[in-house]
Amino acid sequence: MQDKKGVIVAVVNNKGGVGKSTICVNLGYALTTLDRRVLVVDLDSQCNTSKLLMKT
């Protein structure tokens, strides 16, 4: 059995309005199209990523 390791990608910037949430959602979607398992964790106090993902 092959040992598979995960990769952690963090999108960080203190300035607001630079597209962090949009980048995270689009990157997560792009990885799922490649049959990757993706976990998006939203630590932003405004929870913009969670709001974007819940609009389904």
N, C-alpha and C. Protein backbone atom coordinates (compact mmCIF):
# COMPACT_ATOMS: atom_id res chain seq x y z
N MET A 1 0.84 -1.18 0.00
CA MET A 1 0.00 0.00 0.00
C MET A 1 0.88 1.24 0.00
N GLN A 2 0.53 2.19 -0.84
CA GLN A 2 1.33 3.41 -0.96
C GLN A 2 0.95 4.41 0.13
N ASP A 3 1.95 5.02 0.74
CA ASP A 3 1.73 6.01 1.78
C ASP A 3 1.42 7.36 1.13
N LYS A 4 0.20 7.86 1.33
CA LYS A 4 -0.21 9.14 0.75
C LYS A 4 -0.18 10.20 1.82
N LYS A 5 0.40 11.33 1.50
CA LYS A 5 0.44 12.44 2.44
C LYS A 5 -0.34 13.60 1.89
N GLY A 6 -0.96 14.35 2.77
CA GLY A 6 -1.73 15.51 2.36
C GLY A 6 -0.84 16.73 2.18
N VAL A 7 -1.39 17.71 1.53
CA VAL A 7 -0.71 18.97 1.30
C VAL A 7 -1.56 20.07 1.93
N ILE A 8 -0.94 20.96 2.66
CA ILE A 8 -1.65 22.07 3.27
C ILE A 8 -1.32 23.33 2.48
N VAL A 9 -2.37 24.03 2.06
CA VAL A 9 -2.23 25.29 1.34
C VAL A 9 -2.93 26.36 2.16
N ALA A 10 -2.24 27.42 2.49
CA ALA A 10 -2.83 28.51 3.27
C ALA A 10 -2.84 29.78 2.42
N VAL A 11 -3.98 30.46 2.43
CA VAL A 11 -4.11 31.75 1.74
C VAL A 11 -4.26 32.80 2.83
N VAL A 12 -3.23 33.64 2.97
CA VAL A 12 -3.18 34.58 4.10
C VAL A 12 -2.81 35.97 3.60
N ASN A 13 -3.53 36.95 4.10
CA ASN A 13 -3.21 38.35 3.87
C ASN A 13 -4.03 39.16 4.86
N ASN A 14 -3.41 40.09 5.58
CA ASN A 14 -4.13 40.87 6.58
C ASN A 14 -5.07 41.90 5.97
N LYS A 15 -4.76 42.34 4.77
CA LYS A 15 -5.60 43.36 4.14
C LYS A 15 -6.91 42.75 3.68
N GLY A 16 -7.99 43.46 3.87
CA GLY A 16 -9.29 42.99 3.41
C GLY A 16 -9.53 43.35 1.96
N GLY A 17 -10.42 42.60 1.32
CA GLY A 17 -10.82 42.92 -0.03
C GLY A 17 -9.81 42.58 -1.11
N VAL A 18 -8.94 41.60 -0.87
CA VAL A 18 -7.93 41.24 -1.87
C VAL A 18 -8.24 39.92 -2.57
N GLY A 19 -9.39 39.31 -2.26
CA GLY A 19 -9.82 38.09 -2.96
C GLY A 19 -9.41 36.79 -2.32
N LYS A 20 -9.10 36.79 -1.03
CA LYS A 20 -8.69 35.54 -0.37
C LYS A 20 -9.79 34.48 -0.42
N SER A 21 -11.00 34.87 -0.10
CA SER A 21 -12.11 33.91 -0.08
C SER A 21 -12.38 33.37 -1.48
N THR A 22 -12.36 34.22 -2.46
CA THR A 22 -12.60 33.80 -3.84
C THR A 22 -11.52 32.83 -4.30
N ILE A 23 -10.28 33.13 -3.97
CA ILE A 23 -9.17 32.24 -4.34
C ILE A 23 -9.34 30.87 -3.68
N CYS A 24 -9.69 30.85 -2.40
CA CYS A 24 -9.85 29.58 -1.69
C CYS A 24 -10.96 28.73 -2.28
N VAL A 25 -12.11 29.34 -2.56
CA VAL A 25 -13.23 28.59 -3.11
C VAL A 25 -12.89 28.07 -4.50
N ASN A 26 -12.31 28.91 -5.35
CA ASN A 26 -11.98 28.47 -6.71
C ASN A 26 -10.88 27.42 -6.73
N LEU A 27 -9.89 27.56 -5.86
CA LEU A 27 -8.83 26.56 -5.77
C LEU A 27 -9.39 25.22 -5.29
N GLY A 28 -10.24 25.27 -4.29
CA GLY A 28 -10.87 24.04 -3.80
C GLY A 28 -11.69 23.36 -4.88
N TYR A 29 -12.45 24.13 -5.63
CA TYR A 29 -13.25 23.57 -6.72
C TYR A 29 -12.35 22.96 -7.80
N ALA A 30 -11.30 23.67 -8.16
CA ALA A 30 -10.38 23.17 -9.20
C ALA A 30 -9.74 21.85 -8.77
N LEU A 31 -9.40 21.73 -7.51
CA LEU A 31 -8.80 20.48 -7.02
C LEU A 31 -9.80 19.34 -7.03
N THR A 32 -11.07 19.63 -6.75
CA THR A 32 -12.07 18.56 -6.79
C THR A 32 -12.30 18.06 -8.21
N THR A 33 -12.11 18.92 -9.20
CA THR A 33 -12.26 18.47 -10.59
C THR A 33 -11.13 17.52 -10.99
N LEU A 34 -10.05 17.53 -10.22
CA LEU A 34 -8.93 16.61 -10.45
C LEU A 34 -9.04 15.38 -9.54
N ASP A 35 -10.24 15.15 -9.00
CA ASP A 35 -10.51 14.02 -8.10
C ASP A 35 -9.68 14.05 -6.83
N ARG A 36 -9.40 15.23 -6.33
CA ARG A 36 -8.70 15.38 -5.05
C ARG A 36 -9.71 15.59 -3.95
N ARG A 37 -9.39 15.12 -2.77
CA ARG A 37 -10.23 15.39 -1.61
C ARG A 37 -9.80 16.73 -1.02
N VAL A 38 -10.77 17.60 -0.73
CA VAL A 38 -10.48 18.96 -0.31
C VAL A 38 -11.24 19.28 0.96
N LEU A 39 -10.55 19.91 1.90
CA LEU A 39 -11.18 20.45 3.10
C LEU A 39 -10.84 21.93 3.15
N VAL A 40 -11.86 22.78 3.13
CA VAL A 40 -11.67 24.23 3.21
C VAL A 40 -12.04 24.65 4.62
N VAL A 41 -11.11 25.27 5.32
CA VAL A 41 -11.35 25.76 6.68
C VAL A 41 -11.35 27.28 6.64
N ASP A 42 -12.45 27.87 7.07
CA ASP A 42 -12.63 29.32 7.03
C ASP A 42 -12.37 29.89 8.43
N LEU A 43 -11.24 30.57 8.60
CA LEU A 43 -10.91 31.18 9.88
C LEU A 43 -11.09 32.69 9.86
N ASP A 44 -11.67 33.19 8.78
CA ASP A 44 -11.92 34.62 8.65
C ASP A 44 -13.08 35.02 9.56
N SER A 45 -12.95 36.13 10.25
CA SER A 45 -14.01 36.56 11.17
C SER A 45 -15.29 36.91 10.44
N GLN A 46 -15.21 37.26 9.16
CA GLN A 46 -16.41 37.58 8.39
C GLN A 46 -17.06 36.34 7.77
N CYS A 47 -16.38 35.23 7.78
CA CYS A 47 -16.88 33.94 7.26
C CYS A 47 -17.32 34.02 5.80
N ASN A 48 -16.61 34.76 4.97
CA ASN A 48 -16.99 34.90 3.57
C ASN A 48 -16.90 33.59 2.80
N THR A 49 -15.90 32.79 3.08
CA THR A 49 -15.76 31.51 2.38
C THR A 49 -16.92 30.59 2.72
N SER A 50 -17.29 30.55 3.97
CA SER A 50 -18.42 29.70 4.37
C SER A 50 -19.71 30.17 3.69
N LYS A 51 -19.90 31.47 3.57
CA LYS A 51 -21.10 31.99 2.90
C LYS A 51 -21.09 31.62 1.43
N LEU A 52 -19.94 31.67 0.78
CA LEU A 52 -19.85 31.32 -0.64
C LEU A 52 -20.15 29.84 -0.85
N LEU A 53 -19.64 28.97 0.02
CA LEU A 53 -19.83 27.54 -0.13
C LEU A 53 -21.24 27.11 0.24
N MET A 54 -21.95 27.85 1.05
CA MET A 54 -23.29 27.47 1.49
C MET A 54 -24.37 27.90 0.50
N LYS A 55 -24.05 28.62 -0.56
CA LYS A 55 -25.05 29.11 -1.51
C LYS A 55 -25.41 28.07 -2.55
N THR A 56 -25.33 26.80 -2.26
CA THR A 56 -25.66 25.77 -3.24
C THR A 56 -27.10 25.40 -3.18
